[in-house]
Amino acid sequence: MPGATFTVVSLSDPSIPQLVNGQCADSNNPYGQASIQVRVDYTNGGAQETLSLNYKGSFSYEQTSAPSTHLHPKVWLVWQPGHDYIILLASLS
């Protein structure tokens, strides 16, 4: 996307296998709460910020991160119940 790059800096989801000390570890907990942090690096001015989102677990309704403070683009993270993915919304204006 012009104006920004996105990097996952932290992901904790007990329902999917993850690397722990270089080994694949499966906690096999489909009901545990998950969390993600995404760093946004803005190409205009060199600013950066991190968006955080807790999702899954006991949440039965849509979860949305706080919006970015930067306006161009303004970004959010969204999770909808029943889905195994995060949506990154971006507004160019």
Protein backbone atom coordinates (compact mmCIF):
# COMPACT_ATOMS: atom_id res chain seq x y z
CA MET A 1 0.00 0.00 0.00
CA PRO A 2 1.43 3.42 -0.86
CA GLY A 3 2.28 5.41 2.22
CA ALA A 4 2.83 2.60 4.72
CA THR A 5 4.29 -0.84 5.35
CA PHE A 6 2.90 -3.31 7.87
CA THR A 7 4.86 -5.80 10.00
CA VAL A 8 3.46 -8.33 12.48
CA VAL A 9 5.67 -7.86 15.54
CA SER A 10 3.78 -10.13 17.92
CA LEU A 11 1.23 -12.91 17.49
CA SER A 12 -0.12 -15.14 20.22
CA ASP A 13 -2.91 -17.52 19.22
CA PRO A 14 -3.29 -20.70 21.25
CA SER A 15 -5.48 -22.28 18.56
CA ILE A 16 -2.70 -22.52 15.96
CA PRO A 17 0.71 -24.21 16.08
CA GLN A 18 3.59 -21.79 16.66
CA LEU A 19 7.34 -21.97 16.95
CA VAL A 20 8.66 -22.17 20.51
CA ASN A 21 12.46 -22.32 20.78
CA GLY A 22 12.62 -23.37 17.14
CA GLN A 23 10.16 -26.26 17.61
CA CYS A 24 6.59 -26.46 16.38
CA ALA A 25 4.34 -26.32 19.44
CA ASP A 26 0.61 -26.95 19.36
CA SER A 27 -1.25 -25.82 22.45
CA ASN A 28 -4.50 -27.10 20.91
CA ASN A 29 -6.73 -24.59 22.70
CA PRO A 30 -9.40 -23.39 20.25
CA TYR A 31 -11.07 -21.27 22.93
CA GLY A 32 -8.10 -19.29 24.20
CA GLN A 33 -7.79 -15.55 23.71
CA ALA A 34 -5.43 -14.44 20.98
CA SER A 35 -3.54 -11.19 20.47
CA ILE A 36 -1.66 -9.49 17.67
CA GLN A 37 0.49 -6.38 17.31
CA VAL A 38 1.16 -4.83 13.91
CA ARG A 39 3.75 -2.09 13.40
CA VAL A 40 2.85 0.53 10.81
CA ASP A 41 5.80 2.36 9.25
CA TYR A 42 4.72 5.48 7.39
CA THR A 43 6.84 6.43 4.41
CA ASN A 44 5.84 10.09 4.60
CA GLY A 45 7.81 11.57 7.50
CA GLY A 46 9.16 8.31 8.91
CA ALA A 47 6.59 7.98 11.71
CA GLN A 48 5.69 4.57 13.10
CA GLU A 49 3.14 3.19 15.53
CA THR A 50 1.91 -0.18 16.74
CA LEU A 51 -1.68 -1.37 16.59
CA SER A 52 -2.81 -4.00 19.11
CA LEU A 53 -5.81 -6.29 19.08
CA ASN A 54 -7.11 -8.99 21.44
CA TYR A 55 -9.48 -11.45 19.80
CA LYS A 56 -11.03 -14.94 19.96
CA GLY A 57 -11.50 -16.46 23.41
CA SER A 58 -14.63 -15.23 25.16
CA PHE A 59 -15.31 -12.47 22.60
CA SER A 60 -18.59 -13.11 20.80
CA TYR A 61 -18.69 -9.80 18.95
CA GLU A 62 -16.45 -7.94 16.50
CA GLN A 63 -13.19 -6.65 17.96
CA THR A 64 -11.51 -3.53 16.59
CA SER A 65 -8.20 -1.98 17.50
CA ALA A 66 -7.92 1.68 18.31
CA PRO A 67 -7.39 3.53 15.00
CA SER A 68 -3.97 4.77 14.10
CA THR A 69 -3.17 8.35 15.05
CA HIS A 70 -1.64 8.96 11.64
CA LEU A 71 -4.22 10.11 9.10
CA HIS A 72 -2.80 9.16 5.69
CA PRO A 73 -3.38 6.27 5.73
CA LYS A 74 -5.49 5.74 8.85
CA VAL A 75 -5.55 2.01 9.73
CA TRP A 76 -7.38 -0.39 12.06
CA LEU A 77 -7.26 -4.09 12.86
CA VAL A 78 -10.58 -5.96 12.91
CA TRP A 79 -11.57 -9.50 13.91
CA GLN A 80 -15.02 -11.00 13.36
CA PRO A 81 -16.26 -13.96 15.46
CA GLY A 82 -15.94 -17.33 13.80
CA HIS A 83 -13.04 -16.30 11.55
CA ASP A 84 -9.39 -17.28 11.87
CA TYR A 85 -7.99 -14.14 10.28
CA ILE A 86 -7.49 -10.47 11.04
CA ILE A 87 -8.66 -7.74 8.68
CA LEU A 88 -6.47 -4.69 8.17
CA LEU A 89 -8.59 -1.71 7.16
CA ALA A 90 -6.90 1.28 5.62
CA SER A 91 -8.31 4.63 4.57
CA LEU A 92 -6.32 6.82 2.22
CA SER A 93 -8.22 9.95 3.16
